[in-house]
Structure formats: C-alpha cells, structure tokens
C-alpha cells in the first residue's frame, strides 16, 4: 500500500487526495488522446491495419464443427481462436447449434 503521509481524516487531507486523483485522471485522459492521435497518424500512413482476418477456409472449418455439434471450447482450442470469435462467426453466418447429443463432446478436427 502506498503511504503518502496524508491524513485523510482532515478536510485538507481529503482535498489533497482529491487533487492528486484529479491530476492522475487528467494524465490518463491525455495519454488516451495521444494514443488516438498516434493511431490516426499510423492509419493515415497505412501502417495500422489491425489484426489479420481469419481465413475463409478456417472460418468454414470452424462452422462445420459448430454444425456437427462439437463443443465450443474444443473448437476454440483446436483452431486457436476465442469463444467470442466463434460466436461472432456463428452470428454472421446465421449458424445455430444443433441439439446436444451424446457425440457432441467429440471434436472431429
């Protein structure tokens, strides 16, 4: 724990903590602004492209496993993607999960 030696039981001590917090908040907002300016400049220069999209082939293989009823965790682990990525793919493709069955816990890779 950080001990600044400020007595927060007095009005002056509470004011000091409030001022320090306000300065810290200003610093955080300034860093966010600088980061946004840097990202905009990189985008304008064509150097900021974000993540590579998942290939169509990989997307199709994932959706096939979803339709087969494989567990999302097993699919995510095998294809090295996150759960939300799989759910977003399903939503975009209009895919739904089949009813659970005895074999749904087996990944077919």
N, C-alpha and C. Protein backbone atom coordinates (compact mmCIF):
# COMPACT_ATOMS: atom_id res chain seq x y z
N UNK A 1 0.84 -1.18 0.00
CA UNK A 1 0.00 0.00 0.00
C UNK A 1 0.88 1.24 0.00
N UNK A 2 0.46 2.22 -0.74
CA UNK A 2 1.20 3.47 -0.86
C UNK A 2 0.87 4.38 0.31
N UNK A 3 1.88 4.85 1.02
CA UNK A 3 1.67 5.75 2.16
C UNK A 3 2.25 7.10 1.80
N UNK A 4 1.36 8.06 1.52
CA UNK A 4 1.81 9.40 1.15
C UNK A 4 1.92 10.32 2.36
N UNK A 5 1.55 9.82 3.53
CA UNK A 5 1.62 10.64 4.73
C UNK A 5 0.55 11.71 4.76
N UNK A 6 -0.57 11.48 4.07
CA UNK A 6 -1.67 12.45 4.04
C UNK A 6 -2.73 11.96 5.02
N UNK A 7 -3.13 12.83 5.92
CA UNK A 7 -4.15 12.49 6.91
C UNK A 7 -5.52 12.75 6.29
N UNK A 8 -6.20 11.69 5.89
CA UNK A 8 -7.49 11.84 5.21
C UNK A 8 -8.65 12.05 6.17
N UNK A 9 -8.34 12.18 7.44
CA UNK A 9 -9.41 12.47 8.40
C UNK A 9 -9.65 13.97 8.53
N UNK A 10 -8.82 14.78 7.87
CA UNK A 10 -8.99 16.24 7.92
C UNK A 10 -9.45 16.75 6.56
N UNK A 11 -10.11 17.91 6.53
CA UNK A 11 -10.56 18.47 5.24
C UNK A 11 -9.40 18.73 4.27
N UNK A 12 -8.27 19.21 4.78
CA UNK A 12 -7.11 19.48 3.92
C UNK A 12 -6.57 18.18 3.34
N UNK A 13 -6.50 17.12 4.14
CA UNK A 13 -6.02 15.83 3.68
C UNK A 13 -6.91 15.26 2.58
N UNK A 14 -8.23 15.37 2.78
CA UNK A 14 -9.17 14.88 1.76
C UNK A 14 -9.04 15.71 0.48
N UNK A 15 -8.82 17.02 0.63
CA UNK A 15 -8.64 17.87 -0.55
C UNK A 15 -7.38 17.45 -1.32
N UNK A 16 -6.32 17.16 -0.59
CA UNK A 16 -5.06 16.75 -1.24
C UNK A 16 -5.27 15.46 -2.05
N UNK A 17 -5.97 14.50 -1.47
CA UNK A 17 -6.24 13.25 -2.18
C UNK A 17 -7.09 13.52 -3.42
N UNK A 18 -8.07 14.41 -3.31
CA UNK A 18 -8.92 14.76 -4.45
C UNK A 18 -8.11 15.42 -5.55
N UNK A 19 -7.20 16.31 -5.21
CA UNK A 19 -6.36 17.00 -6.20
C UNK A 19 -5.44 15.99 -6.89
N UNK A 20 -4.84 15.09 -6.12
CA UNK A 20 -3.95 14.06 -6.70
C UNK A 20 -4.74 13.17 -7.66
N UNK A 21 -5.96 12.80 -7.27
CA UNK A 21 -6.80 11.95 -8.13
C UNK A 21 -7.16 12.69 -9.42
N UNK A 22 -7.46 13.99 -9.31
CA UNK A 22 -7.81 14.77 -10.50
C UNK A 22 -6.63 14.88 -11.46
N UNK A 23 -5.44 15.08 -10.91
CA UNK A 23 -4.24 15.15 -11.75
C UNK A 23 -3.99 13.81 -12.44
N UNK A 24 -4.18 12.72 -11.71
CA UNK A 24 -4.00 11.40 -12.31
C UNK A 24 -5.01 11.17 -13.42
N UNK A 25 -6.27 11.56 -13.20
CA UNK A 25 -7.30 11.41 -14.23
C UNK A 25 -6.95 12.21 -15.47
N UNK A 26 -6.42 13.42 -15.29
CA UNK A 26 -6.00 14.24 -16.43
C UNK A 26 -4.88 13.55 -17.21
N UNK A 27 -3.95 12.94 -16.49
CA UNK A 27 -2.85 12.21 -17.13
C UNK A 27 -3.37 11.06 -17.98
N UNK A 28 -4.32 10.30 -17.43
CA UNK A 28 -4.90 9.16 -18.15
C UNK A 28 -5.58 9.64 -19.42
N UNK A 29 -6.38 10.69 -19.32
CA UNK A 29 -7.08 11.21 -20.50
C UNK A 29 -6.12 11.76 -21.54
N UNK A 30 -5.05 12.38 -21.10
CA UNK A 30 -4.04 12.90 -22.02
C UNK A 30 -3.36 11.75 -22.76
N UNK A 31 -3.03 10.68 -22.04
CA UNK A 31 -2.41 9.51 -22.69
C UNK A 31 -3.35 8.90 -23.73
N UNK A 32 -4.64 8.83 -23.41
CA UNK A 32 -5.62 8.28 -24.37
C UNK A 32 -5.68 9.13 -25.63
N UNK A 33 -5.69 10.45 -25.44
CA UNK A 33 -5.72 11.35 -26.59
C UNK A 33 -4.47 11.18 -27.45
N UNK A 34 -3.31 11.09 -26.81
CA UNK A 34 -2.05 10.91 -27.56
C UNK A 34 -2.05 9.59 -28.33
N UNK A 35 -2.56 8.56 -27.68
CA UNK A 35 -2.64 7.25 -28.34
C UNK A 35 -3.55 7.32 -29.56
N UNK A 36 -4.70 7.97 -29.41
CA UNK A 36 -5.64 8.09 -30.54
C UNK A 36 -5.01 8.87 -31.69
N UNK A 37 -4.28 9.94 -31.38
CA UNK A 37 -3.60 10.74 -32.42
C UNK A 37 -2.56 9.87 -33.14
N UNK A 38 -1.80 9.10 -32.37
CA UNK A 38 -0.80 8.22 -32.96
C UNK A 38 -1.41 7.16 -33.85
N UNK A 39 -2.52 6.57 -33.41
CA UNK A 39 -3.19 5.55 -34.22
C UNK A 39 -3.73 6.17 -35.50
N UNK A 40 -4.34 7.35 -35.39
CA UNK A 40 -4.85 8.03 -36.59
C UNK A 40 -3.73 8.33 -37.59
N UNK A 41 -2.58 8.77 -37.07
CA UNK A 41 -1.44 9.06 -37.95
C UNK A 41 -0.93 7.77 -38.62
N UNK A 42 -0.88 6.69 -37.85
CA UNK A 42 -0.42 5.41 -38.41
C UNK A 42 -1.40 4.91 -39.47
N UNK A 43 -2.69 5.06 -39.21
CA UNK A 43 -3.69 4.65 -40.20
C UNK A 43 -3.55 5.47 -41.49
N UNK A 44 -3.34 6.76 -41.33
CA UNK A 44 -3.19 7.64 -42.50
C UNK A 44 -1.96 7.25 -43.31
N UNK A 45 -0.93 6.75 -42.62
CA UNK A 45 0.30 6.34 -43.31
C UNK A 45 0.21 4.89 -43.81
N UNK A 46 -0.92 4.23 -43.53
CA UNK A 46 -1.10 2.85 -43.99
C UNK A 46 -0.34 1.82 -43.18
N UNK A 47 0.05 2.16 -41.97
CA UNK A 47 0.85 1.24 -41.15
C UNK A 47 0.04 0.57 -40.06
N UNK A 48 -1.18 0.98 -39.85
CA UNK A 48 -2.00 0.42 -38.78
C UNK A 48 -3.17 -0.29 -39.44
N UNK A 49 -3.12 -1.59 -39.43
CA UNK A 49 -4.14 -2.34 -40.14
C UNK A 49 -4.97 -3.24 -39.23
N UNK A 50 -4.60 -3.33 -37.96
CA UNK A 50 -5.34 -4.19 -37.05
C UNK A 50 -4.93 -5.65 -37.23
N UNK A 51 -5.75 -6.53 -36.70
CA UNK A 51 -5.45 -7.95 -36.79
C UNK A 51 -5.77 -8.49 -38.18
N UNK A 52 -5.06 -9.55 -38.54
CA UNK A 52 -5.38 -10.22 -39.79
C UNK A 52 -6.70 -10.95 -39.62
N UNK A 53 -7.56 -10.89 -40.63
CA UNK A 53 -8.82 -11.63 -40.51
C UNK A 53 -8.57 -13.14 -40.61
N UNK A 54 -9.49 -13.90 -40.06
CA UNK A 54 -9.40 -15.36 -40.14
C UNK A 54 -9.69 -15.76 -41.58
N UNK A 55 -8.93 -16.69 -42.10
CA UNK A 55 -9.11 -17.11 -43.49
C UNK A 55 -10.49 -17.73 -43.69
N UNK A 56 -10.98 -17.63 -44.93
CA UNK A 56 -12.29 -18.21 -45.26
C UNK A 56 -12.30 -19.71 -45.02
N UNK A 57 -11.17 -20.37 -45.34
CA UNK A 57 -11.08 -21.82 -45.15
C UNK A 57 -11.22 -22.18 -43.68
N UNK A 58 -10.50 -21.47 -42.83
CA UNK A 58 -10.55 -21.73 -41.40
C UNK A 58 -11.95 -21.45 -40.85
N UNK A 59 -12.55 -20.35 -41.32
CA UNK A 59 -13.91 -19.99 -40.90
C UNK A 59 -14.89 -21.11 -41.25
N UNK A 60 -14.78 -21.63 -42.45
CA UNK A 60 -15.68 -22.72 -42.87
C UNK A 60 -15.48 -23.97 -42.04
N UNK A 61 -14.21 -24.30 -41.75
CA UNK A 61 -13.92 -25.49 -40.94
C UNK A 61 -14.50 -25.34 -39.53
N UNK A 62 -14.40 -24.13 -38.99
CA UNK A 62 -14.96 -23.88 -37.66
C UNK A 62 -16.48 -24.03 -37.69
N UNK A 63 -17.12 -23.45 -38.70
CA UNK A 63 -18.58 -23.54 -38.79
C UNK A 63 -19.06 -24.97 -39.01
N UNK A 64 -18.27 -25.76 -39.74
CA UNK A 64 -18.62 -27.18 -39.91
C UNK A 64 -18.63 -27.88 -38.56
N UNK A 65 -17.62 -27.60 -37.74
CA UNK A 65 -17.56 -28.22 -36.41
C UNK A 65 -18.70 -27.76 -35.52
N UNK A 66 -19.07 -26.48 -35.66
CA UNK A 66 -20.21 -25.97 -34.88
C UNK A 66 -21.47 -26.72 -35.28
N UNK A 67 -21.68 -26.88 -36.59
CA UNK A 67 -22.89 -27.56 -37.07
C UNK A 67 -22.90 -29.03 -36.71
N UNK A 68 -21.72 -29.63 -36.57
CA UNK A 68 -21.64 -31.03 -36.14
C UNK A 68 -21.97 -31.19 -34.66
N UNK A 69 -21.90 -30.09 -33.94
CA UNK A 69 -22.22 -30.14 -32.52
C UNK A 69 -21.02 -30.25 -31.61
N UNK A 70 -19.82 -30.03 -32.13
CA UNK A 70 -18.63 -30.06 -31.28
C UNK A 70 -18.71 -28.94 -30.26
N UNK A 71 -18.11 -29.17 -29.11
CA UNK A 71 -18.14 -28.17 -28.05
C UNK A 71 -17.31 -26.96 -28.47
N UNK A 72 -17.84 -25.78 -28.11
CA UNK A 72 -17.18 -24.53 -28.46
C UNK A 72 -15.76 -24.48 -27.90
N UNK A 73 -15.57 -24.93 -26.67
CA UNK A 73 -14.24 -24.91 -26.05
C UNK A 73 -13.26 -25.76 -26.87
N UNK A 74 -13.70 -26.92 -27.32
CA UNK A 74 -12.82 -27.80 -28.10
C UNK A 74 -12.48 -27.16 -29.45
N UNK A 75 -13.47 -26.54 -30.06
CA UNK A 75 -13.23 -25.87 -31.35
C UNK A 75 -12.25 -24.71 -31.15
N UNK A 76 -12.49 -23.91 -30.12
CA UNK A 76 -11.64 -22.75 -29.85
C UNK A 76 -10.20 -23.19 -29.60
N UNK A 77 -10.02 -24.23 -28.80
CA UNK A 77 -8.67 -24.72 -28.52
C UNK A 77 -7.98 -25.23 -29.78
N UNK A 78 -8.70 -26.00 -30.58
CA UNK A 78 -8.10 -26.60 -31.77
C UNK A 78 -7.69 -25.53 -32.80
N UNK A 79 -8.57 -24.56 -33.03
CA UNK A 79 -8.30 -23.56 -34.06
C UNK A 79 -7.60 -22.32 -33.52
N UNK A 80 -7.31 -22.31 -32.21
CA UNK A 80 -6.61 -21.20 -31.57
C UNK A 80 -7.32 -19.86 -31.78
N UNK A 81 -8.62 -19.88 -31.49
CA UNK A 81 -9.44 -18.66 -31.51
C UNK A 81 -10.20 -18.59 -30.20
N UNK A 82 -10.80 -17.46 -29.92
CA UNK A 82 -11.55 -17.30 -28.68
C UNK A 82 -13.01 -17.71 -28.86
N UNK A 83 -13.67 -17.91 -27.71
CA UNK A 83 -15.10 -18.22 -27.76
C UNK A 83 -15.89 -17.12 -28.47
N UNK A 84 -15.67 -15.85 -28.09
CA UNK A 84 -16.43 -14.79 -28.76
C UNK A 84 -16.22 -14.78 -30.27
N UNK A 85 -15.03 -15.12 -30.73
CA UNK A 85 -14.78 -15.17 -32.17
C UNK A 85 -15.70 -16.20 -32.82
N UNK A 86 -15.82 -17.36 -32.19
CA UNK A 86 -16.68 -18.40 -32.75
C UNK A 86 -18.13 -17.95 -32.74
N UNK A 87 -18.58 -17.38 -31.62
CA UNK A 87 -19.97 -16.92 -31.55
C UNK A 87 -20.23 -15.80 -32.56
N UNK A 88 -19.26 -14.92 -32.78
CA UNK A 88 -19.43 -13.87 -33.79
C UNK A 88 -19.53 -14.47 -35.19
N UNK A 89 -18.72 -15.50 -35.46
CA UNK A 89 -18.80 -16.18 -36.76
C UNK A 89 -20.18 -16.81 -36.95
N UNK A 90 -20.65 -17.47 -35.88
CA UNK A 90 -21.97 -18.11 -35.95
C UNK A 90 -23.05 -17.08 -36.23
N UNK A 91 -22.98 -15.95 -35.54
CA UNK A 91 -23.98 -14.90 -35.73
C UNK A 91 -23.95 -14.37 -37.15
N UNK A 92 -22.74 -14.11 -37.66
CA UNK A 92 -22.59 -13.57 -39.02
C UNK A 92 -23.07 -14.55 -40.07
N UNK A 93 -22.89 -15.85 -39.81
CA UNK A 93 -23.28 -16.87 -40.78
C UNK A 93 -24.72 -17.33 -40.58
N UNK A 94 -25.34 -16.87 -39.52
CA UNK A 94 -26.71 -17.32 -39.22
C UNK A 94 -26.73 -18.77 -38.78
N UNK A 95 -25.60 -19.26 -38.28
CA UNK A 95 -25.50 -20.66 -37.87
C UNK A 95 -26.08 -20.84 -36.48
N UNK A 96 -26.69 -21.98 -36.27
CA UNK A 96 -27.19 -22.33 -34.95
C UNK A 96 -26.58 -23.65 -34.54
N UNK A 97 -26.56 -23.89 -33.26
CA UNK A 97 -26.00 -25.14 -32.76
C UNK A 97 -27.09 -26.20 -32.79
N UNK A 98 -26.72 -27.42 -33.18
CA UNK A 98 -27.70 -28.50 -33.13
C UNK A 98 -28.00 -28.87 -31.69
N UNK A 99 -29.08 -29.60 -31.50
CA UNK A 99 -29.43 -30.05 -30.15
C UNK A 99 -28.30 -30.92 -29.62
N UNK A 100 -28.01 -30.83 -28.33
CA UNK A 100 -26.93 -31.64 -27.76
C UNK A 100 -27.19 -33.13 -27.95
N UNK A 101 -26.14 -33.86 -28.23
CA UNK A 101 -26.26 -35.30 -28.38
C UNK A 101 -25.12 -35.96 -27.64
N UNK A 102 -25.15 -37.27 -27.59
CA UNK A 102 -24.10 -38.00 -26.89
C UNK A 102 -22.73 -37.77 -27.52
N UNK A 103 -22.69 -37.58 -28.81
CA UNK A 103 -21.40 -37.47 -29.50
C UNK A 103 -20.91 -36.04 -29.60
N UNK A 104 -21.67 -35.07 -29.03
CA UNK A 104 -21.29 -33.67 -29.20
C UNK A 104 -20.01 -33.30 -28.47
N UNK A 105 -19.55 -34.16 -27.56
CA UNK A 105 -18.32 -33.85 -26.83
C UNK A 105 -17.08 -34.32 -27.57
N UNK A 106 -17.26 -34.88 -28.74
CA UNK A 106 -16.11 -35.38 -29.52
C UNK A 106 -15.81 -34.42 -30.65
N UNK A 107 -14.63 -33.89 -30.64
CA UNK A 107 -14.20 -32.98 -31.70
C UNK A 107 -13.69 -33.82 -32.86
N UNK A 108 -14.07 -33.44 -34.06
CA UNK A 108 -13.71 -34.23 -35.23
C UNK A 108 -12.54 -33.64 -36.01
N UNK A 109 -12.13 -32.41 -35.62
CA UNK A 109 -10.96 -31.76 -36.20
C UNK A 109 -10.91 -31.79 -37.65
